[in-house]
C-alpha atoms as a PDB file:
ATOM      1  CA  MET A   1      84.939 130.181  89.756  1.00  0.00           C
ATOM      2  CA  GLY A   2      81.674 130.629  87.869  1.00  0.00           C
ATOM      3  CA  ASP A   3      83.040 128.630  84.935  1.00  0.00           C
ATOM      4  CA  ILE A   4      83.990 125.777  87.267  1.00  0.00           C
ATOM      5  CA  VAL A   5      80.527 125.718  88.854  1.00  0.00           C
ATOM      6  CA  ASN A   6      78.778 125.835  85.484  1.00  0.00           C
ATOM      7  CA  ALA A   7      81.020 123.099  84.121  1.00  0.00           C
ATOM      8  CA  ALA A   8      80.410 120.893  87.128  1.00  0.00           C
ATOM      9  CA  THR A   9      76.648 121.296  87.262  1.00  0.00           C
ATOM     10  CA  GLY A  10      75.573 122.159  83.716  1.00  0.00           C
ATOM     11  CA  ASN A  11      78.125 120.493  81.471  1.00  0.00           C
ATOM     12  CA  VAL A  12      79.004 117.268  83.242  1.00  0.00           C
ATOM     13  CA  PRO A  13      79.569 115.149  80.103  1.00  0.00           C
ATOM     14  CA  ARG A  14      82.183 117.617  78.855  1.00  0.00           C
ATOM     15  CA  VAL A  15      84.031 117.657  82.180  1.00  0.00           C
ATOM     16  CA  GLU A  16      83.953 113.881  82.345  1.00  0.00           C
ATOM     17  CA  ALA A  17      85.440 113.724  78.851  1.00  0.00           C
ATOM     18  CA  VAL A  18      88.333 115.911  80.009  1.00  0.00           C
ATOM     19  CA  VAL A  19      88.948 113.668  83.027  1.00  0.00           C
ATOM     20  CA  GLU A  20      88.848 110.588  80.806  1.00  0.00           C
ATOM     21  CA  LYS A  21      91.376 112.177  78.448  1.00  0.00           C
ATOM     22  CA  PHE A  22      93.643 112.851  81.450  1.00  0.00           C
ATOM     23  CA  GLN A  23      93.456 109.152  82.331  1.00  0.00           C
ATOM     24  CA  ILE A  24      94.210 108.147  78.748  1.00  0.00           C
ATOM     25  CA  ILE A  25      97.323 110.351  78.689  1.00  0.00           C
ATOM     26  CA  SER A  26      98.534 108.859  81.976  1.00  0.00           C
ATOM     27  CA  GLN A  27      98.095 105.366  80.588  1.00  0.00           C
ATOM     28  CA  ARG A  28      99.911 106.287  77.381  1.00  0.00           C
ATOM     29  CA  LEU A  29     102.848 107.541  79.427  1.00  0.00           C
ATOM     30  CA  ARG A  30     102.954 104.175  81.169  1.00  0.00           C
ATOM     31  CA  TYR A  31     102.576 101.994  78.075  1.00  0.00           C
ATOM     32  CA  ALA A  32     104.344 104.080  75.430  1.00  0.00           C
ATOM     33  CA  GLN A  33     106.544 102.163  73.002  1.00  0.00           C
ATOM     34  CA  VAL A  34     109.449 104.424  73.981  1.00  0.00           C
ATOM     35  CA  PRO A  35     110.651 105.123  77.548  1.00  0.00           C
ATOM     36  CA  THR A  36     109.019 108.139  79.162  1.00  0.00           C
ATOM     37  CA  ILE A  37     111.009 110.182  81.677  1.00  0.00           C
ATOM     38  CA  ALA A  38     109.617 112.671  84.206  1.00  0.00           C
ATOM     39  CA  ALA A  39     112.146 115.310  85.286  1.00  0.00           C
ATOM     40  CA  VAL A  40     110.818 116.668  88.595  1.00  0.00           C
ATOM     41  CA  ASP A  41     112.138 119.793  90.283  1.00  0.00           C
ATOM     42  CA  GLY A  42     110.172 121.621  92.958  1.00  0.00           C
ATOM     43  CA  LEU A  43     106.422 120.988  93.062  1.00  0.00           C
ATOM     44  CA  ALA A  44     104.816 117.915  91.511  1.00  0.00           C
ATOM     45  CA  LEU A  45     101.390 117.918  93.127  1.00  0.00           C
ATOM     46  CA  GLY A  46      98.066 116.456  92.043  1.00  0.00           C
ATOM     47  CA  GLY A  47      98.029 116.030  88.280  1.00  0.00           C
ATOM     48  CA  GLY A  48     101.765 116.641  88.024  1.00  0.00           C
ATOM     49  CA  CYS A  49     102.378 113.796  90.437  1.00  0.00           C
ATOM     50  CA  GLU A  50      99.977 111.544  88.523  1.00  0.00           C
ATOM     51  CA  PHE A  51     101.786 112.111  85.226  1.00  0.00           C
ATOM     52  CA  ALA A  52     105.166 111.548  86.885  1.00  0.00           C
ATOM     53  CA  ILE A  53     104.276 108.246  88.595  1.00  0.00           C
ATOM     54  CA  HIS A  54     103.048 106.825  85.280  1.00  0.00           C
ATOM     55  CA  CYS A  55     106.348 107.476  83.513  1.00  0.00           C
ATOM     56  CA  THR A  56     108.920 104.754  82.928  1.00  0.00           C
ATOM     57  CA  ARG A  57     111.373 106.601  85.133  1.00  0.00           C
ATOM     58  CA  ILE A  58     111.342 109.641  87.420  1.00  0.00           C
ATOM     59  CA  VAL A  59     114.461 111.746  87.790  1.00  0.00           C
ATOM     60  CA  ALA A  60     113.883 114.146  90.693  1.00  0.00           C
ATOM     61  CA  SER A  61     115.990 116.846  92.273  1.00  0.00           C
ATOM     62  CA  LEU A  62     116.476 116.374  96.003  1.00  0.00           C
ATOM     63  CA  GLU A  63     114.329 119.408  96.829  1.00  0.00           C
ATOM     64  CA  SER A  64     111.172 118.113  95.206  1.00  0.00           C
ATOM     65  CA  TYR A  65     107.736 118.194  96.787  1.00  0.00           C
ATOM     66  CA  ILE A  66     105.609 115.316  95.507  1.00  0.00           C
ATOM     67  CA  GLY A  67     102.114 114.216  96.485  1.00  0.00           C
ATOM     68  CA  LEU A  68      98.466 113.659  95.611  1.00  0.00           C
ATOM     69  CA  VAL A  69      96.725 116.627  97.243  1.00  0.00           C
ATOM     70  CA  GLU A  70      93.317 116.675  95.540  1.00  0.00           C
ATOM     71  CA  VAL A  71      91.390 116.190  98.805  1.00  0.00           C
ATOM     72  CA  GLY A  72      92.413 119.736  99.727  1.00  0.00           C
ATOM     73  CA  VAL A  73      89.956 121.010  97.117  1.00  0.00           C
ATOM     74  CA  GLY A  74      87.309 118.382  97.809  1.00  0.00           C
ATOM     75  CA  LEU A  75      88.286 115.943  95.061  1.00  0.00           C
ATOM     76  CA  LEU A  76      90.213 112.704  94.684  1.00  0.00           C
ATOM     77  CA  PRO A  77      93.031 111.815  92.285  1.00  0.00           C
ATOM     78  CA  ALA A  78      91.331 110.852  89.007  1.00  0.00           C
ATOM     79  CA  GLY A  79      94.209 110.919  86.534  1.00  0.00           C
ATOM     80  CA  GLY A  80      95.242 107.421  87.539  1.00  0.00           C
ATOM     81  CA  GLY A  81      96.630 108.359  90.959  1.00  0.00           C
ATOM     82  CA  CYS A  82      94.346 106.147  93.056  1.00  0.00           C
ATOM     83  CA  LYS A  83      94.673 103.344  90.530  1.00  0.00           C
ATOM     84  CA  GLU A  84      98.459 103.519  90.435  1.00  0.00           C
ATOM     85  CA  MET A  85      98.914 103.466  94.209  1.00  0.00           C
ATOM     86  CA  ALA A  86      96.437 100.571  94.550  1.00  0.00           C
ATOM     87  CA  MET A  87      98.500  98.691  91.956  1.00  0.00           C
ATOM     88  CA  ARG A  88     101.718  99.407  93.839  1.00  0.00           C
ATOM     89  CA  ALA A  89     100.153  98.113  97.057  1.00  0.00           C
ATOM     90  CA  ALA A  90      99.114  94.917  95.275  1.00  0.00           C
ATOM     91  CA  HIS A  91     102.596  94.512  93.801  1.00  0.00           C
ATOM     92  CA  GLU A  92     104.247  94.972  97.201  1.00  0.00           C
ATOM     93  CA  ALA A  93     101.935  92.402  98.779  1.00  0.00           C
ATOM     94  CA  GLN A  94     102.639  89.887  96.030  1.00  0.00           C
ATOM     95  CA  ARG A  95     106.382  90.442  96.216  1.00  0.00           C
ATOM     96  CA  VAL A  96     106.667  89.482  99.893  1.00  0.00           C
ATOM     97  CA  SER A  97     104.222  86.572  99.872  1.00  0.00           C
ATOM     98  CA  ILE A  98     105.087  82.951  99.272  1.00  0.00           C
ATOM     99  CA  ASP A  99     102.160  82.173  96.985  1.00  0.00           C
ATOM    100  CA  GLY A 100     102.094  85.568  95.244  1.00  0.00           C
ATOM    101  CA  ARG A 101      98.773  86.554  96.829  1.00  0.00           C
ATOM    102  CA  GLY A 102      99.654  88.198 100.123  1.00  0.00           C
ATOM    103  CA  ASP A 103      97.428  90.444 102.222  1.00  0.00           C
ATOM    104  CA  ILE A 104      97.177  93.701 100.301  1.00  0.00           C
ATOM    105  CA  PHE A 105      95.546  95.739 103.060  1.00  0.00           C
ATOM    106  CA  PRO A 106      98.610  96.776 105.136  1.00  0.00           C
ATOM    107  CA  TYR A 107     100.233  98.216 102.018  1.00  0.00           C
ATOM    108  CA  LEU A 108      97.039  99.770 100.714  1.00  0.00           C
ATOM    109  CA  LYS A 109      96.316 101.424 104.059  1.00  0.00           C
ATOM    110  CA  ARG A 110      99.540 103.435 103.906  1.00  0.00           C
ATOM    111  CA  TYR A 111      98.795 104.777 100.426  1.00  0.00           C
ATOM    112  CA  PHE A 112      95.183 105.475 101.360  1.00  0.00           C
ATOM    113  CA  GLN A 113      96.235 107.549 104.362  1.00  0.00           C
ATOM    114  CA  GLN A 114      98.628 109.596 102.239  1.00  0.00           C
ATOM    115  CA  ILE A 115      95.934 110.388  99.675  1.00  0.00           C
ATOM    116  CA  ALA A 116      93.098 110.911 102.166  1.00  0.00           C
ATOM    117  CA  MET A 117      95.222 113.310 104.221  1.00  0.00           C
ATOM    118  CA  GLY A 118      96.790 115.014 101.184  1.00  0.00           C
ATOM    119  CA  GLU A 119     100.295 114.294 102.491  1.00  0.00           C
ATOM    120  CA  VAL A 120     103.206 115.754 100.537  1.00  0.00           C
ATOM    121  CA  ALA A 121     106.755 114.403 100.490  1.00  0.00           C
ATOM    122  CA  LYS A 122     109.032 117.256 101.530  1.00  0.00           C
ATOM    123  CA  SER A 123     112.010 115.825  99.637  1.00  0.00           C
ATOM    124  CA  ALA A 124     112.737 113.277  96.946  1.00  0.00           C
ATOM    125  CA  GLU A 125     114.143 110.899  99.562  1.00  0.00           C
ATOM    126  CA  LEU A 126     110.885 111.083 101.525  1.00  0.00           C
ATOM    127  CA  ALA A 127     108.965 110.613  98.264  1.00  0.00           C
ATOM    128  CA  ARG A 128     110.789 107.316  97.843  1.00  0.00           C
ATOM    129  CA  GLU A 129     109.830 106.265 101.378  1.00  0.00           C
ATOM    130  CA  MET A 130     106.203 107.204 100.657  1.00  0.00           C
ATOM    131  CA  GLY A 131     106.146 105.151  97.467  1.00  0.00           C
ATOM    132  CA  TYR A 132     105.865 107.971  94.928  1.00  0.00           C
ATOM    133  CA  LEU A 133     109.388 107.203  93.742  1.00  0.00           C
ATOM    134  CA  ARG A 134     110.403 103.616  93.028  1.00  0.00           C
ATOM    135  CA  GLN A 135     113.826 102.105  93.660  1.00  0.00           C
ATOM    136  CA  SER A 136     114.628 102.464  89.967  1.00  0.00           C
ATOM    137  CA  ASP A 137     113.933 106.224  89.992  1.00  0.00           C
ATOM    138  CA  ARG A 138     116.858 108.627  90.281  1.00  0.00           C
ATOM    139  CA  ILE A 139     117.460 111.407  92.809  1.00  0.00           C
ATOM    140  CA  VAL A 140     119.742 114.262  91.726  1.00  0.00           C
ATOM    141  CA  LEU A 141     121.539 116.429  94.276  1.00  0.00           C
ATOM    142  CA  ASN A 142     122.399 119.210  91.826  1.00  0.00           C
ATOM    143  CA  ARG A 143     119.200 120.458  90.196  1.00  0.00           C
ATOM    144  CA  PHE A 144     121.188 121.947  87.317  1.00  0.00           C
ATOM    145  CA  GLU A 145     122.120 118.396  86.268  1.00  0.00           C
ATOM    146  CA  LEU A 146     118.478 117.259  86.244  1.00  0.00           C
ATOM    147  CA  LEU A 147     117.747 117.447  82.507  1.00  0.00           C
ATOM    148  CA  HIS A 148     121.162 116.066  81.603  1.00  0.00           C
ATOM    149  CA  ILE A 149     120.609 112.977  83.771  1.00  0.00           C
ATOM    150  CA  ALA A 150     117.020 112.607  82.542  1.00  0.00           C
ATOM    151  CA  LYS A 151     118.303 112.484  78.965  1.00  0.00           C
ATOM    152  CA  GLN A 152     120.920 109.937  79.988  1.00  0.00           C
ATOM    153  CA  GLU A 153     118.204 107.748  81.500  1.00  0.00           C
ATOM    154  CA  ALA A 154     116.155 107.924  78.290  1.00  0.00           C
ATOM    155  CA  ARG A 155     119.169 107.001  76.155  1.00  0.00           C
ATOM    156  CA  ALA A 156     120.169 104.151  78.488  1.00  0.00           C
ATOM    157  CA  LEU A 157     116.672 102.649  78.472  1.00  0.00           C
ATOM    158  CA  ASN A 158     116.424 103.000  74.709  1.00  0.00           C
ATOM    159  CA  ALA A 159     119.779 101.270  74.274  1.00  0.00           C
ATOM    160  CA  THR A 160     118.459  98.174  76.048  1.00  0.00           C
ATOM    161  CA  ALA A 161     115.783  97.610  73.351  1.00  0.00           C
ATOM    162  CA  TYR A 162     113.123  98.957  75.704  1.00  0.00           C
ATOM    163  CA  ARG A 163     109.689  97.354  75.731  1.00  0.00           C
ATOM    164  CA  PRO A 164     106.734  98.744  77.684  1.00  0.00           C
ATOM    165  CA  PRO A 165     105.264  96.740  80.583  1.00  0.00           C
ATOM    166  CA  LEU A 166     102.326  94.470  79.920  1.00  0.00           C
ATOM    167  CA  GLN A 167      98.995  95.964  80.888  1.00  0.00           C
ATOM    168  CA  LEU A 168      97.795  94.380  84.122  1.00  0.00           C
ATOM    169  CA  ARG A 169      94.446  92.609  83.967  1.00  0.00           C
ATOM    170  CA  GLN A 170      94.511  90.742  87.285  1.00  0.00           C
ATOM    171  CA  ILE A 171      95.022  93.231  90.108  1.00  0.00           C
ATOM    172  CA  PRO A 172      93.899  91.934  93.524  1.00  0.00           C
ATOM    173  CA  VAL A 173      91.860  94.438  95.521  1.00  0.00           C
ATOM    174  CA  ALA A 174      90.805  94.716  99.165  1.00  0.00           C
ATOM    175  CA  GLY A 175      87.096  94.963  98.283  1.00  0.00           C
ATOM    176  CA  ARG A 176      84.276  95.433 100.780  1.00  0.00           C
ATOM    177  CA  THR A 177      86.350  94.233 103.723  1.00  0.00           C
ATOM    178  CA  GLY A 178      89.040  96.838 103.098  1.00  0.00           C
ATOM    179  CA  ILE A 179      86.467  99.594 102.595  1.00  0.00           C
ATOM    180  CA  ALA A 180      84.742  98.744 105.890  1.00  0.00           C
ATOM    181  CA  THR A 181      88.043  98.756 107.797  1.00  0.00           C
ATOM    182  CA  LEU A 182      89.113 102.107 106.377  1.00  0.00           C
ATOM    183  CA  LYS A 183      85.686 103.611 107.055  1.00  0.00           C
ATOM    184  CA  ALA A 184      85.800 102.413 110.671  1.00  0.00           C
ATOM    185  CA  ALA A 185      89.142 104.162 111.164  1.00  0.00           C
ATOM    186  CA  MET A 186      87.716 107.370 109.667  1.00  0.00           C
ATOM    187  CA  VAL A 187      84.669 107.213 111.942  1.00  0.00           C
ATOM    188  CA  ASN A 188      87.013 107.345 114.935  1.00  0.00           C
ATOM    189  CA  MET A 189      88.752 110.397 113.440  1.00  0.00           C
ATOM    190  CA  LEU A 190      85.391 112.039 112.733  1.00  0.00           C
ATOM    191  CA  GLU A 191      84.116 111.491 116.256  1.00  0.00           C
ATOM    192  CA  GLY A 192      87.403 112.780 117.648  1.00  0.00           C
ATOM    193  CA  GLY A 193      87.048 115.994 115.653  1.00  0.00           C
ATOM    194  CA  PHE A 194      90.142 115.373 113.534  1.00  0.00           C
ATOM    195  CA  ILE A 195      88.204 115.469 110.255  1.00  0.00           C
ATOM    196  CA  SER A 196      84.932 117.049 109.111  1.00  0.00           C
ATOM    197  CA  GLU A 197      81.898 115.170 107.816  1.00  0.00           C
ATOM    198  CA  TYR A 198      82.822 116.146 104.280  1.00  0.00           C
ATOM    199  CA  ASP A 199      86.393 114.954 104.820  1.00  0.00           C
ATOM    200  CA  TYR A 200      84.825 111.648 105.829  1.00  0.00           C
ATOM    201  CA  ASN A 201      82.687 111.616 102.678  1.00  0.00           C
ATOM    202  CA  ILE A 202      85.719 112.218 100.461  1.00  0.00           C
ATOM    203  CA  GLY A 203      87.734 109.624 102.367  1.00  0.00           C
ATOM    204  CA  CYS A 204      85.013 107.032 101.842  1.00  0.00           C
ATOM    205  CA  ARG A 205      85.149 107.656  98.103  1.00  0.00           C
ATOM    206  CA  VAL A 206      88.925 107.312  98.096  1.00  0.00           C
ATOM    207  CA  ALA A 207      88.573 104.043 100.029  1.00  0.00           C
ATOM    208  CA  GLU A 208      85.956 102.671  97.645  1.00  0.00           C
ATOM    209  CA  THR A 209      88.119 103.531  94.643  1.00  0.00           C
ATOM    210  CA  MET A 210      91.386 102.131  95.985  1.00  0.00           C
ATOM    211  CA  CYS A 211      89.732  98.976  97.355  1.00  0.00           C
ATOM    212  CA  GLY A 212      88.085  98.208  94.006  1.00  0.00           C
ATOM    213  CA  GLY A 213      84.486  98.956  94.932  1.00  0.00           C
ATOM    214  CA  ASP A 214      81.723  96.620  96.073  1.00  0.00           C
ATOM    215  CA  VAL A 215      83.507  93.312  95.421  1.00  0.00           C
ATOM    216  CA  ASP A 216      84.884  90.486  97.558  1.00  0.00           C
ATOM    217  CA  ALA A 217      88.366  90.844  99.031  1.00  0.00           C
ATOM    218  CA  GLY A 218      90.911  89.305  96.692  1.00  0.00           C
ATOM    219  CA  THR A 219      88.831  89.910  93.573  1.00  0.00           C
ATOM    220  CA  LEU A 220      90.971  90.421  90.482  1.00  0.00           C
ATOM    221  CA  VAL A 221      90.222  93.555  88.447  1.00  0.00           C
ATOM    222  CA  ASP A 222      91.943  95.378  85.600  1.00  0.00           C
ATOM    223  CA  GLU A 223      93.234  98.943  85.432  1.00  0.00           C
ATOM    224  CA  GLN A 224      90.198 100.230  83.574  1.00  0.00           C
ATOM    225  CA  TRP A 225      87.951  99.068  86.422  1.00  0.00           C
ATOM    226  CA  LEU A 226      89.897 101.232  88.867  1.00  0.00           C
ATOM    227  CA  LEU A 227      90.038 104.167  86.441  1.00  0.00           C
ATOM    228  CA  ASP A 228      86.257 104.057  85.981  1.00  0.00           C
ATOM    229  CA  LEU A 229      85.807 104.162  89.775  1.00  0.00           C
ATOM    230  CA  GLU A 230      88.134 107.163  89.985  1.00  0.00           C
ATOM    231  CA  ARG A 231      86.259 109.053  87.316  1.00  0.00           C
ATOM    232  CA  ARG A 232      82.812 108.307  88.737  1.00  0.00           C
ATOM    233  CA  HIS A 233      83.673 109.495  92.234  1.00  0.00           C
ATOM    234  CA  PHE A 234      85.507 112.555  90.885  1.00  0.00           C
ATOM    235  CA  MET A 235      82.457 113.618  88.882  1.00  0.00           C
ATOM    236  CA  GLU A 236      80.116 113.173  91.838  1.00  0.00           C
ATOM    237  CA  LEU A 237      82.425 115.239  94.042  1.00  0.00           C
ATOM    238  CA  ILE A 238      82.934 118.094  91.587  1.00  0.00           C
ATOM    239  CA  ALA A 239      79.162 118.543  91.312  1.00  0.00           C
ATOM    240  CA  SER A 240      78.952 119.064  95.097  1.00  0.00           C
ATOM    241  CA  GLU A 241      78.538 122.577  96.501  1.00  0.00           C
ATOM    242  CA  LYS A 242      81.026 121.823  99.268  1.00  0.00           C
ATOM    243  CA  THR A 243      83.708 120.839  96.762  1.00  0.00           C
ATOM    244  CA  GLN A 244      83.011 123.972  94.748  1.00  0.00           C
ATOM    245  CA  ALA A 245      83.362 126.024  97.954  1.00  0.00           C
ATOM    246  CA  ARG A 246      86.731 124.382  98.624  1.00  0.00           C
ATOM    247  CA  ILE A 247      87.932 125.129  95.105  1.00  0.00           C
ATOM    248  CA  GLU A 248      86.822 128.765  95.352  1.00  0.00           C
ATOM    249  CA  HIS A 249      88.459 129.189  98.755  1.00  0.00           C
ATOM    250  CA  MET A 250      91.745 127.740  97.490  1.00  0.00           C
ATOM    251  CA  LEU A 251      91.738 130.024  94.444  1.00  0.00           C
ATOM    252  CA  LYS A 252      91.041 133.114  96.552  1.00  0.00           C
ATOM    253  CA  ASN A 253      93.161 132.393  99.619  1.00  0.00           C
ATOM    254  CA  GLY A 254      95.701 129.763  98.632  1.00  0.00           C
ATOM    255  CA  LYS A 255      94.669 127.671 101.648  1.00  0.00           C
ATOM    256  CA  PRO A 256      92.370 124.641 101.965  1.00  0.00           C
ATOM    257  CA  LEU A 257      88.873 125.011 103.409  1.00  0.00           C
ATOM    258  CA  ARG A 258      87.714 122.411 105.917  1.00  0.00           C
ATOM    259  CA  ASN A 259      83.956 122.551 105.500  1.00  0.00           C
END
């Protein structure tokens, strides 16, 4: 734990460089010139989930537990997790709207709640309902067939003269309006004793990141904008004594601390 504290407080540039490298790897998985396949069996939490959701395809065994759980140790997803779910919310809103610019907030709210509460999908089917798995991702009933099917997916994609997706540069965000609405909901939870003040602080940072920061609703941003927000809030959280206490408690007891 001492190394973590020293890294967070005395060597911030080095830690930030590691986080930035994590983001770069996630983006390379998404935009690689060859299809990338994540074969998921069992736990895919936090960083494992972030790598998986950036791959071209996920092949998951039915008994997979998938989720972004960083709030349990006083952090937020900073390997592209917040960015990716904000992008999926924007895509869902655009898909159902007539003019391609539907209201993003109802879709974003669901993903925000999952991240802010550290919710984990207890099966691959539930992971699909929660948006961690897309319709194109595969669910395997027999875990011993997982790698075989993952290889088949890679070969099939390669056979279609695979090309990576274009990098998005116009992602609509919920902006200040979305942040204010999410904060208001968290205030009610705080006053009702459902979350602590530090939970509220972390939730506000998640909201600011996923809503695109201090901009007007509907503002178009690129992926790097959202990644920079992730990294900034992650670094501010990891330097906090309360986050360090949560990390230490998790390492010692295997359970989250609600401080």
